[in-house]
Every structure is written in structure tokens, then in C-alpha cells.
Amino acid sequence: MGEAGCAFGVGRLALALGFPVRLAQGRLLNWASAQKVHLIVLGGPDINNWTHQNKPKADFTFVSTGIRNAAPRRGEPALYETLSDDATGELRVDYGMIWMFESLPGSRILVLAGRSSPGTAGIGDFFTDPDKMRAAFEKLKAAYPQPGFPANWQVLLKVNVREGIPVGSSFVTCRVHPPAGP
């Protein structure tokens, strides 16, 4: 359900910005054709394994218990771990990413994904909120010492969840990655 909510929010944003979008199931994509078009991919590896098998190497990657940080900076953990209520087992905290990368042929792929479905909904809420994204945009620009805006980056987010519904999402950190190479 979180992916559907995320898709709805992204669709409304694309419509407001005048960008045409087409909805397709991930199981109908193959890497050869997907690299030729710009994509917005929704959902973590449990929902959308194709993307997570065909992504470039990056600092933040999904693991079964959260998001692994391959290159922790001072004060950052090596694992951003999802948290569940001890008594009920219900998810309370999820982590997810807004991840933009460029394929070798030059198409752009945007991934909006939480570790869980409610996490993905929270990531979509963050992405479609101009105030929240403006702050993330400024932090990405500050992390990129060159003119312009980076082509390859990740924004790590924390999503608070109550009764399977995201109730708040917040910026954790970001990374800028080098351009795709031949």
C-alpha cells in the first residue's frame, strides 16, 4: 500500500510540474530497455528486487534489518536499523532513500524506497513536500563542490511509523557519488 501512496504523490507532483509519466510494473522491465528511458522506481528490495540487483555501488544499501552505511562519517552508524515495538512487533522506525543515479547510456533513475512499504510511503511524502526537499537539495548542493547539481546522489531518511502508517519523515544524511563511467 505504501508504494501506491508514493506513486499517487509522485504522479500528482509530475502532473503539477507538467512532466508526463507512465506507470509500469517492475516485472515488465528489463535492464537493456530500462537504461534507455528515465525511470522513477518505487519500493525497497522486497517489493522491487530488479532495481536493487541492477543498481550501481553506493554508500547506502538495503539490508534485511535496515540500511547499511558502507562509509560512515564521524557520528554515523554503520547500520541504520529499523525498530519495532517489543510487545507487538509493529514497525515504529524505518529508514529509506531518495536515490538518483545515471545509467551508463545516460538515462536517469530515481529510486524512492523505504525498507518497508510504510517507509516507502514516508519517503514519497518527503519527496513531494517542497519544504522538506528544499532542505535536502541545499545539503546536496553543499556536498558538491562543483558548479551545478550532482547527477548521482543519495538522501537517507528516517520514517516514523504508527499502526502501519508513516507519521513523519526526516532528513538523516546525504552522499554525492561520482558520475557514471564507461
N, C-alpha and C. Protein backbone atom coordinates (compact mmCIF):
# COMPACT_ATOMS: atom_id res chain seq x y z
N MET A 1 0.82 -1.20 0.00
CA MET A 1 0.00 0.00 0.00
C MET A 1 0.86 1.26 0.00
N GLY A 2 2.01 1.21 0.66
CA GLY A 2 2.89 2.38 0.70
C GLY A 2 3.39 2.79 -0.66
N GLU A 3 3.66 1.81 -1.52
CA GLU A 3 4.13 2.11 -2.87
C GLU A 3 3.02 2.79 -3.67
N ALA A 4 1.77 2.38 -3.47
CA ALA A 4 0.64 3.01 -4.17
C ALA A 4 0.49 4.46 -3.72
N GLY A 5 0.60 4.71 -2.42
CA GLY A 5 0.54 6.08 -1.92
C GLY A 5 1.67 6.93 -2.47
N CYS A 6 2.86 6.36 -2.52
CA CYS A 6 4.02 7.05 -3.07
C CYS A 6 3.78 7.36 -4.55
N ALA A 7 3.28 6.39 -5.30
CA ALA A 7 3.01 6.59 -6.73
C ALA A 7 1.98 7.71 -6.93
N PHE A 8 0.96 7.75 -6.09
CA PHE A 8 -0.06 8.78 -6.20
C PHE A 8 0.56 10.16 -5.99
N GLY A 9 1.38 10.31 -4.94
CA GLY A 9 2.02 11.59 -4.66
C GLY A 9 2.97 12.02 -5.75
N VAL A 10 3.78 11.08 -6.26
CA VAL A 10 4.72 11.40 -7.33
C VAL A 10 3.94 11.75 -8.61
N GLY A 11 2.86 11.04 -8.88
CA GLY A 11 2.04 11.35 -10.05
C GLY A 11 1.45 12.75 -9.98
N ARG A 12 0.95 13.14 -8.81
CA ARG A 12 0.41 14.49 -8.64
C ARG A 12 1.49 15.53 -8.84
N LEU A 13 2.69 15.27 -8.30
CA LEU A 13 3.80 16.20 -8.46
C LEU A 13 4.18 16.33 -9.94
N ALA A 14 4.30 15.21 -10.63
CA ALA A 14 4.66 15.23 -12.05
C ALA A 14 3.61 15.98 -12.87
N LEU A 15 2.35 15.78 -12.55
CA LEU A 15 1.27 16.49 -13.25
C LEU A 15 1.38 17.99 -13.01
N ALA A 16 1.61 18.38 -11.76
CA ALA A 16 1.74 19.80 -11.43
C ALA A 16 2.93 20.45 -12.13
N LEU A 17 4.00 19.67 -12.34
CA LEU A 17 5.20 20.19 -12.99
C LEU A 17 5.16 20.05 -14.51
N GLY A 18 4.11 19.40 -15.03
CA GLY A 18 3.98 19.24 -16.47
C GLY A 18 4.84 18.14 -17.06
N PHE A 19 5.21 17.16 -16.26
CA PHE A 19 6.00 16.03 -16.75
C PHE A 19 5.08 14.84 -17.01
N PRO A 20 5.07 14.33 -18.21
CA PRO A 20 4.25 13.14 -18.46
C PRO A 20 4.89 11.92 -17.79
N VAL A 21 4.08 11.08 -17.20
CA VAL A 21 4.57 9.84 -16.59
C VAL A 21 3.73 8.68 -17.09
N ARG A 22 4.35 7.51 -17.09
CA ARG A 22 3.67 6.28 -17.48
C ARG A 22 3.96 5.27 -16.39
N LEU A 23 2.96 4.62 -15.89
CA LEU A 23 3.09 3.63 -14.83
C LEU A 23 3.30 2.25 -15.44
N ALA A 24 4.31 1.53 -14.94
CA ALA A 24 4.57 0.16 -15.41
C ALA A 24 5.04 -0.68 -14.24
N GLN A 25 4.72 -1.94 -14.24
CA GLN A 25 5.18 -2.85 -13.21
C GLN A 25 6.64 -3.20 -13.46
N GLY A 26 7.42 -3.27 -12.38
CA GLY A 26 8.83 -3.59 -12.48
C GLY A 26 9.09 -4.93 -13.14
N ARG A 27 8.21 -5.87 -12.96
CA ARG A 27 8.43 -7.20 -13.55
C ARG A 27 8.36 -7.18 -15.07
N LEU A 28 7.85 -6.07 -15.63
CA LEU A 28 7.77 -5.95 -17.08
C LEU A 28 8.98 -5.24 -17.68
N LEU A 29 9.93 -4.84 -16.84
CA LEU A 29 11.13 -4.14 -17.30
C LEU A 29 12.30 -5.09 -17.42
N ASN A 30 13.19 -4.76 -18.34
CA ASN A 30 14.48 -5.44 -18.37
C ASN A 30 15.54 -4.35 -18.44
N TRP A 31 16.73 -4.66 -17.98
CA TRP A 31 17.77 -3.65 -17.83
C TRP A 31 18.14 -3.02 -19.17
N ALA A 32 18.16 -3.76 -20.24
CA ALA A 32 18.54 -3.22 -21.55
C ALA A 32 17.58 -2.12 -21.99
N SER A 33 16.29 -2.34 -21.83
CA SER A 33 15.34 -1.31 -22.24
C SER A 33 15.22 -0.21 -21.19
N ALA A 34 15.34 -0.54 -19.92
CA ALA A 34 15.21 0.46 -18.85
C ALA A 34 16.31 1.50 -18.89
N GLN A 35 17.49 1.14 -19.34
CA GLN A 35 18.59 2.10 -19.39
C GLN A 35 18.40 3.16 -20.47
N LYS A 36 17.41 2.98 -21.32
CA LYS A 36 17.19 3.90 -22.43
C LYS A 36 16.15 4.97 -22.11
N VAL A 37 15.48 4.86 -20.98
CA VAL A 37 14.46 5.83 -20.59
C VAL A 37 14.71 6.28 -19.16
N HIS A 38 14.20 7.45 -18.82
CA HIS A 38 14.28 7.92 -17.45
C HIS A 38 13.22 7.16 -16.63
N LEU A 39 13.60 6.74 -15.42
CA LEU A 39 12.69 5.95 -14.59
C LEU A 39 12.55 6.54 -13.19
N ILE A 40 11.38 6.36 -12.61
CA ILE A 40 11.17 6.56 -11.18
C ILE A 40 10.75 5.21 -10.66
N VAL A 41 11.53 4.68 -9.76
CA VAL A 41 11.29 3.34 -9.24
C VAL A 41 10.86 3.46 -7.78
N LEU A 42 9.80 2.76 -7.42
CA LEU A 42 9.26 2.83 -6.07
C LEU A 42 9.43 1.50 -5.35
N GLY A 43 9.85 1.56 -4.10
CA GLY A 43 9.89 0.38 -3.27
C GLY A 43 11.26 -0.19 -3.03
N GLY A 44 11.41 -0.77 -1.85
CA GLY A 44 12.66 -1.41 -1.46
C GLY A 44 12.84 -2.76 -2.12
N PRO A 45 13.91 -3.46 -1.76
CA PRO A 45 14.24 -4.71 -2.44
C PRO A 45 13.18 -5.81 -2.29
N ASP A 46 12.40 -5.79 -1.23
CA ASP A 46 11.35 -6.81 -1.08
C ASP A 46 10.22 -6.60 -2.08
N ILE A 47 10.01 -5.36 -2.49
CA ILE A 47 8.95 -5.02 -3.43
C ILE A 47 9.47 -4.97 -4.85
N ASN A 48 10.70 -4.45 -5.00
CA ASN A 48 11.23 -4.19 -6.33
C ASN A 48 12.68 -4.67 -6.41
N ASN A 49 12.86 -5.94 -6.42
CA ASN A 49 14.21 -6.52 -6.39
C ASN A 49 15.00 -6.23 -7.66
N TRP A 50 14.34 -6.04 -8.80
CA TRP A 50 15.03 -5.79 -10.07
C TRP A 50 15.97 -4.60 -9.96
N THR A 51 15.46 -3.48 -9.44
CA THR A 51 16.29 -2.28 -9.33
C THR A 51 17.46 -2.51 -8.40
N HIS A 52 17.21 -3.15 -7.31
CA HIS A 52 18.25 -3.33 -6.30
C HIS A 52 19.31 -4.33 -6.74
N GLN A 53 19.01 -5.14 -7.74
CA GLN A 53 20.02 -6.02 -8.31
C GLN A 53 20.81 -5.33 -9.42
N ASN A 54 20.27 -4.24 -9.98
CA ASN A 54 20.89 -3.57 -11.12
C ASN A 54 21.36 -2.15 -10.82
N LYS A 55 21.59 -1.86 -9.59
CA LYS A 55 21.99 -0.51 -9.19
C LYS A 55 23.51 -0.40 -9.12
N PRO A 56 24.03 0.83 -9.19
CA PRO A 56 25.47 1.00 -9.03
C PRO A 56 25.88 0.87 -7.57
N LYS A 57 27.15 0.74 -7.34
CA LYS A 57 27.67 0.69 -5.97
C LYS A 57 27.46 2.05 -5.32
N ALA A 58 27.05 2.05 -4.06
CA ALA A 58 26.78 3.30 -3.36
C ALA A 58 27.05 3.13 -1.86
N ASP A 59 27.07 4.24 -1.16
CA ASP A 59 27.35 4.22 0.28
C ASP A 59 26.23 3.55 1.07
N PHE A 60 24.98 3.82 0.69
CA PHE A 60 23.84 3.28 1.44
C PHE A 60 23.20 2.15 0.64
N THR A 61 23.03 1.00 1.29
CA THR A 61 22.39 -0.14 0.65
C THR A 61 21.40 -0.78 1.62
N PHE A 62 20.36 -1.35 1.06
CA PHE A 62 19.36 -2.03 1.88
C PHE A 62 19.89 -3.37 2.35
N VAL A 63 19.63 -3.67 3.61
CA VAL A 63 19.87 -5.00 4.18
C VAL A 63 18.59 -5.38 4.91
N SER A 64 18.49 -6.61 5.36
CA SER A 64 17.23 -7.09 5.94
C SER A 64 16.81 -6.33 7.20
N THR A 65 17.76 -5.73 7.91
CA THR A 65 17.43 -5.05 9.17
C THR A 65 17.44 -3.53 9.06
N GLY A 66 17.66 -2.98 7.87
CA GLY A 66 17.68 -1.53 7.72
C GLY A 66 18.49 -1.12 6.52
N ILE A 67 19.36 -0.12 6.73
CA ILE A 67 20.22 0.38 5.67
C ILE A 67 21.66 0.38 6.14
N ARG A 68 22.50 -0.29 5.38
CA ARG A 68 23.93 -0.37 5.68
C ARG A 68 24.61 0.90 5.16
N ASN A 69 25.49 1.44 6.00
CA ASN A 69 26.29 2.61 5.65
C ASN A 69 27.71 2.12 5.41
N ALA A 70 28.12 2.02 4.15
CA ALA A 70 29.42 1.45 3.80
C ALA A 70 30.58 2.37 4.16
N ALA A 71 30.32 3.65 4.31
CA ALA A 71 31.39 4.61 4.61
C ALA A 71 30.92 5.61 5.67
N PRO A 72 30.76 5.14 6.92
CA PRO A 72 30.26 6.04 7.97
C PRO A 72 31.20 7.22 8.20
N ARG A 73 30.60 8.37 8.31
CA ARG A 73 31.34 9.57 8.70
C ARG A 73 31.26 9.69 10.22
N ARG A 74 32.04 10.62 10.76
CA ARG A 74 32.06 10.78 12.22
C ARG A 74 30.64 10.95 12.77
N GLY A 75 30.30 10.13 13.73
CA GLY A 75 28.99 10.19 14.36
C GLY A 75 27.91 9.38 13.67
N GLU A 76 28.21 8.78 12.53
CA GLU A 76 27.22 7.98 11.81
C GLU A 76 27.40 6.50 12.13
N PRO A 77 26.31 5.77 12.28
CA PRO A 77 26.43 4.32 12.48
C PRO A 77 26.69 3.58 11.18
N ALA A 78 27.18 2.37 11.29
CA ALA A 78 27.38 1.52 10.11
C ALA A 78 26.05 0.89 9.66
N LEU A 79 25.04 0.92 10.53
CA LEU A 79 23.73 0.36 10.20
C LEU A 79 22.65 1.26 10.77
N TYR A 80 21.77 1.69 9.89
CA TYR A 80 20.56 2.40 10.32
C TYR A 80 19.48 1.34 10.43
N GLU A 81 19.20 0.93 11.64
CA GLU A 81 18.37 -0.24 11.88
C GLU A 81 16.90 0.12 12.09
N THR A 82 16.02 -0.61 11.41
CA THR A 82 14.60 -0.43 11.63
C THR A 82 14.28 -0.86 13.06
N LEU A 83 13.27 -0.24 13.65
CA LEU A 83 12.89 -0.55 15.04
C LEU A 83 11.42 -0.95 15.10
N SER A 84 11.17 -1.99 15.86
CA SER A 84 9.80 -2.46 16.06
C SER A 84 9.46 -2.42 17.53
N ASP A 85 8.18 -2.33 17.83
CA ASP A 85 7.70 -2.37 19.20
C ASP A 85 7.97 -3.75 19.78
N ASP A 86 8.60 -3.82 20.94
CA ASP A 86 8.96 -5.10 21.54
C ASP A 86 7.73 -5.96 21.85
N ALA A 87 6.65 -5.34 22.28
CA ALA A 87 5.47 -6.10 22.68
C ALA A 87 4.65 -6.58 21.48
N THR A 88 4.48 -5.73 20.48
CA THR A 88 3.58 -6.07 19.37
C THR A 88 4.31 -6.48 18.10
N GLY A 89 5.57 -6.14 17.99
CA GLY A 89 6.33 -6.42 16.77
C GLY A 89 6.03 -5.44 15.65
N GLU A 90 5.19 -4.45 15.93
CA GLU A 90 4.79 -3.48 14.93
C GLU A 90 5.94 -2.50 14.65
N LEU A 91 6.17 -2.21 13.38
CA LEU A 91 7.22 -1.30 12.96
C LEU A 91 7.00 0.09 13.53
N ARG A 92 8.06 0.68 14.11
CA ARG A 92 7.98 2.04 14.65
C ARG A 92 8.86 3.01 13.89
N VAL A 93 10.06 2.54 13.46
CA VAL A 93 11.01 3.40 12.74
C VAL A 93 11.55 2.64 11.54
N ASP A 94 11.46 3.27 10.40
CA ASP A 94 12.02 2.71 9.18
C ASP A 94 13.02 3.71 8.62
N TYR A 95 13.87 3.25 7.74
CA TYR A 95 14.80 4.12 7.01
C TYR A 95 14.61 3.86 5.53
N GLY A 96 14.90 4.86 4.75
CA GLY A 96 14.78 4.72 3.31
C GLY A 96 15.61 5.77 2.60
N MET A 97 15.52 5.75 1.27
CA MET A 97 16.35 6.64 0.46
C MET A 97 15.59 7.27 -0.67
N ILE A 98 16.07 8.45 -1.01
CA ILE A 98 15.81 9.05 -2.30
C ILE A 98 17.15 8.94 -3.00
N TRP A 99 17.19 8.23 -4.10
CA TRP A 99 18.47 7.89 -4.73
C TRP A 99 18.39 8.17 -6.22
N MET A 100 19.21 9.09 -6.67
CA MET A 100 19.28 9.42 -8.10
C MET A 100 20.60 8.91 -8.64
N PHE A 101 20.53 8.17 -9.74
CA PHE A 101 21.77 7.77 -10.40
C PHE A 101 21.57 7.74 -11.90
N GLU A 102 22.68 7.80 -12.57
CA GLU A 102 22.70 7.85 -14.02
C GLU A 102 23.19 6.50 -14.54
N SER A 103 22.48 5.94 -15.50
CA SER A 103 22.94 4.69 -16.10
C SER A 103 24.06 5.01 -17.08
N LEU A 104 24.82 4.01 -17.49
CA LEU A 104 25.91 4.24 -18.43
C LEU A 104 25.45 4.86 -19.75
N PRO A 105 24.28 4.48 -20.29
CA PRO A 105 23.84 5.16 -21.52
C PRO A 105 23.35 6.60 -21.27
N GLY A 106 23.23 6.99 -20.00
CA GLY A 106 22.86 8.36 -19.70
C GLY A 106 21.45 8.61 -19.24
N SER A 107 20.64 7.58 -19.10
CA SER A 107 19.29 7.81 -18.57
C SER A 107 19.38 8.03 -17.06
N ARG A 108 18.38 8.67 -16.52
CA ARG A 108 18.34 8.98 -15.09
C ARG A 108 17.37 8.02 -14.40
N ILE A 109 17.76 7.52 -13.24
CA ILE A 109 16.91 6.61 -12.48
C ILE A 109 16.79 7.17 -11.07
N LEU A 110 15.56 7.41 -10.67
CA LEU A 110 15.26 7.92 -9.34
C LEU A 110 14.58 6.80 -8.57
N VAL A 111 15.14 6.45 -7.42
CA VAL A 111 14.57 5.41 -6.57
C VAL A 111 14.03 6.07 -5.31
N LEU A 112 12.78 5.80 -5.00
CA LEU A 112 12.14 6.24 -3.76
C LEU A 112 11.77 4.96 -3.01
N ALA A 113 12.50 4.67 -1.94
CA ALA A 113 12.29 3.37 -1.30
C ALA A 113 12.56 3.41 0.18
N GLY A 114 11.67 2.81 0.93
CA GLY A 114 11.89 2.53 2.34
C GLY A 114 12.19 1.06 2.48
N ARG A 115 12.62 0.68 3.64
CA ARG A 115 12.88 -0.75 3.90
C ARG A 115 11.57 -1.51 3.92
N SER A 116 10.50 -0.81 4.29
CA SER A 116 9.16 -1.40 4.35
C SER A 116 8.21 -0.59 3.48
N SER A 117 7.01 -1.11 3.28
CA SER A 117 6.01 -0.40 2.50
C SER A 117 5.62 0.93 3.17
N PRO A 118 5.35 0.97 4.49
CA PRO A 118 5.07 2.27 5.11
C PRO A 118 6.27 3.23 5.00
N GLY A 119 7.48 2.69 5.03
CA GLY A 119 8.66 3.51 4.85
C GLY A 119 8.69 4.16 3.48
N THR A 120 8.32 3.39 2.44
CA THR A 120 8.27 3.95 1.09
C THR A 120 7.24 5.06 1.00
N ALA A 121 6.10 4.89 1.66
CA ALA A 121 5.09 5.95 1.68
C ALA A 121 5.67 7.21 2.33
N GLY A 122 6.41 7.05 3.41
CA GLY A 122 7.03 8.19 4.08
C GLY A 122 8.08 8.86 3.21
N ILE A 123 8.83 8.07 2.44
CA ILE A 123 9.83 8.63 1.52
C ILE A 123 9.11 9.45 0.45
N GLY A 124 8.01 8.92 -0.07
CA GLY A 124 7.22 9.66 -1.07
C GLY A 124 6.66 10.95 -0.50
N ASP A 125 6.18 10.93 0.75
CA ASP A 125 5.68 12.14 1.39
C ASP A 125 6.78 13.19 1.48
N PHE A 126 7.98 12.78 1.86
CA PHE A 126 9.12 13.69 1.97
C PHE A 126 9.45 14.27 0.60
N PHE A 127 9.55 13.41 -0.41
CA PHE A 127 9.95 13.82 -1.75
C PHE A 127 8.98 14.84 -2.35
N THR A 128 7.70 14.68 -2.08
CA THR A 128 6.70 15.57 -2.67
C THR A 128 6.41 16.80 -1.82
N ASP A 129 7.10 16.97 -0.71
CA ASP A 129 6.95 18.16 0.15
C ASP A 129 8.05 19.16 -0.21
N PRO A 130 7.71 20.28 -0.84
CA PRO A 130 8.74 21.23 -1.29
C PRO A 130 9.66 21.73 -0.18
N ASP A 131 9.13 21.97 1.01
CA ASP A 131 9.97 22.47 2.10
C ASP A 131 10.99 21.44 2.54
N LYS A 132 10.56 20.20 2.68
CA LYS A 132 11.49 19.14 3.08
C LYS A 132 12.54 18.90 2.00
N MET A 133 12.10 18.85 0.75
CA MET A 133 13.06 18.60 -0.33
C MET A 133 14.00 19.78 -0.55
N ARG A 134 13.54 20.99 -0.27
CA ARG A 134 14.41 22.15 -0.41
C ARG A 134 15.60 22.03 0.54
N ALA A 135 15.35 21.61 1.76
CA ALA A 135 16.43 21.43 2.73
C ALA A 135 17.39 20.33 2.27
N ALA A 136 16.87 19.24 1.75
CA ALA A 136 17.73 18.15 1.25
C ALA A 136 18.52 18.63 0.03
N PHE A 137 17.88 19.39 -0.84
CA PHE A 137 18.54 19.94 -2.03
C PHE A 137 19.72 20.82 -1.62
N GLU A 138 19.52 21.68 -0.64
CA GLU A 138 20.60 22.57 -0.18
C GLU A 138 21.76 21.77 0.41
N LYS A 139 21.46 20.71 1.11
CA LYS A 139 22.53 19.88 1.68
C LYS A 139 23.29 19.13 0.59
N LEU A 140 22.60 18.69 -0.43
CA LEU A 140 23.27 18.04 -1.56
C LEU A 140 24.16 19.03 -2.31
N LYS A 141 23.65 20.24 -2.54
CA LYS A 141 24.45 21.26 -3.20
C LYS A 141 25.70 21.59 -2.39
N ALA A 142 25.56 21.67 -1.08
CA ALA A 142 26.71 21.98 -0.22
C ALA A 142 27.75 20.85 -0.25
N ALA A 143 27.29 19.62 -0.48
CA ALA A 143 28.20 18.47 -0.53
C ALA A 143 28.87 18.31 -1.88
N TYR A 144 28.49 19.13 -2.86
CA TYR A 144 29.00 19.03 -4.23
C TYR A 144 29.80 20.29 -4.54
N PRO A 145 31.12 20.22 -4.51
CA PRO A 145 31.94 21.42 -4.63
C PRO A 145 32.00 22.02 -6.04
N GLN A 146 31.44 21.37 -7.02
CA GLN A 146 31.50 21.85 -8.40
C GLN A 146 30.25 22.68 -8.73
N PRO A 147 30.32 23.47 -9.81
CA PRO A 147 29.11 24.21 -10.23
C PRO A 147 28.01 23.24 -10.65
N GLY A 148 26.78 23.68 -10.51
CA GLY A 148 25.66 22.83 -10.91
C GLY A 148 25.19 21.93 -9.78
N PHE A 149 24.49 20.89 -10.18
CA PHE A 149 23.92 19.96 -9.21
C PHE A 149 24.40 18.56 -9.55
N PRO A 150 24.71 17.73 -8.55
CA PRO A 150 25.23 16.39 -8.84
C PRO A 150 24.22 15.51 -9.57
N ALA A 151 24.73 14.61 -10.40
CA ALA A 151 23.88 13.68 -11.14
C ALA A 151 23.59 12.42 -10.34
N ASN A 152 24.50 12.06 -9.44
CA ASN A 152 24.39 10.81 -8.68
C ASN A 152 24.46 11.11 -7.19
N TRP A 153 23.39 10.79 -6.49
CA TRP A 153 23.35 11.12 -5.07
C TRP A 153 22.34 10.23 -4.33
N GLN A 154 22.48 10.25 -3.01
CA GLN A 154 21.55 9.54 -2.13
C GLN A 154 21.20 10.45 -0.97
N VAL A 155 19.93 10.46 -0.59
CA VAL A 155 19.47 11.13 0.62
C VAL A 155 18.89 10.04 1.50
N LEU A 156 19.43 9.91 2.70
CA LEU A 156 18.96 8.92 3.66
C LEU A 156 17.94 9.58 4.58
N LEU A 157 16.79 8.93 4.75
CA LEU A 157 15.70 9.47 5.56
C LEU A 157 15.28 8.50 6.64
N LYS A 158 14.79 9.06 7.71
CA LYS A 158 14.18 8.29 8.81
C LYS A 158 12.68 8.50 8.72
N VAL A 159 11.92 7.41 8.85
CA VAL A 159 10.46 7.48 8.78
C VAL A 159 9.88 6.90 10.06
N ASN A 160 9.12 7.71 10.79
CA ASN A 160 8.41 7.23 11.97
C ASN A 160 7.08 6.64 11.52
N VAL A 161 6.74 5.49 12.07
CA VAL A 161 5.55 4.74 11.65
C VAL A 161 4.70 4.43 12.86
N ARG A 162 3.38 4.61 12.71
CA ARG A 162 2.44 4.22 13.76
C ARG A 162 1.28 3.48 13.12
N GLU A 163 1.02 2.29 13.58
CA GLU A 163 -0.06 1.44 13.06
C GLU A 163 0.03 1.25 11.55
N GLY A 164 1.26 1.09 11.06
CA GLY A 164 1.50 0.83 9.65
C GLY A 164 1.39 2.05 8.75
N ILE A 165 1.34 3.24 9.35
CA ILE A 165 1.19 4.47 8.58
C ILE A 165 2.35 5.40 8.91
N PRO A 166 3.01 6.00 7.88
CA PRO A 166 4.08 6.94 8.18
C PRO A 166 3.51 8.21 8.81
N VAL A 167 4.08 8.62 9.93
CA VAL A 167 3.59 9.81 10.62
C VAL A 167 4.62 10.94 10.61
N GLY A 168 5.73 10.73 10.00
CA GLY A 168 6.74 11.78 9.89
C GLY A 168 8.01 11.23 9.28
N SER A 169 8.63 12.04 8.44
CA SER A 169 9.89 11.63 7.83
C SER A 169 10.87 12.79 7.97
N SER A 170 12.15 12.45 8.16
CA SER A 170 13.15 13.49 8.38
C SER A 170 14.47 13.12 7.72
N PHE A 171 15.19 14.15 7.31
CA PHE A 171 16.50 14.01 6.70
C PHE A 171 17.48 13.46 7.74
N VAL A 172 18.31 12.49 7.33
CA VAL A 172 19.37 11.96 8.19
C VAL A 172 20.73 12.43 7.68
N THR A 173 21.04 12.09 6.44
CA THR A 173 22.30 12.49 5.83
C THR A 173 22.21 12.29 4.32
N CYS A 174 23.25 12.70 3.62
CA CYS A 174 23.26 12.52 2.17
C CYS A 174 24.67 12.21 1.69
N ARG A 175 24.74 11.70 0.46
CA ARG A 175 26.02 11.43 -0.20
C ARG A 175 25.91 11.84 -1.65
N VAL A 176 27.01 12.35 -2.16
CA VAL A 176 27.14 12.65 -3.59
C VAL A 176 28.14 11.66 -4.14
N HIS A 177 27.79 11.01 -5.26
CA HIS A 177 28.64 9.99 -5.87
C HIS A 177 29.21 10.50 -7.19
N PRO A 178 30.35 9.95 -7.60
CA PRO A 178 30.93 10.38 -8.88
C PRO A 178 30.02 10.02 -10.06
N PRO A 179 30.19 10.71 -11.18
CA PRO A 179 29.38 10.40 -12.36
C PRO A 179 29.60 8.97 -12.84
N ALA A 180 28.60 8.45 -13.54
CA ALA A 180 28.72 7.11 -14.12
C ALA A 180 29.87 7.12 -15.12
N GLY A 181 30.67 6.07 -15.09
CA GLY A 181 31.80 5.98 -16.02
C GLY A 181 31.59 4.91 -17.06
N PRO A 182 32.42 4.95 -18.13
CA PRO A 182 32.26 3.94 -19.19
C PRO A 182 32.65 2.56 -18.74
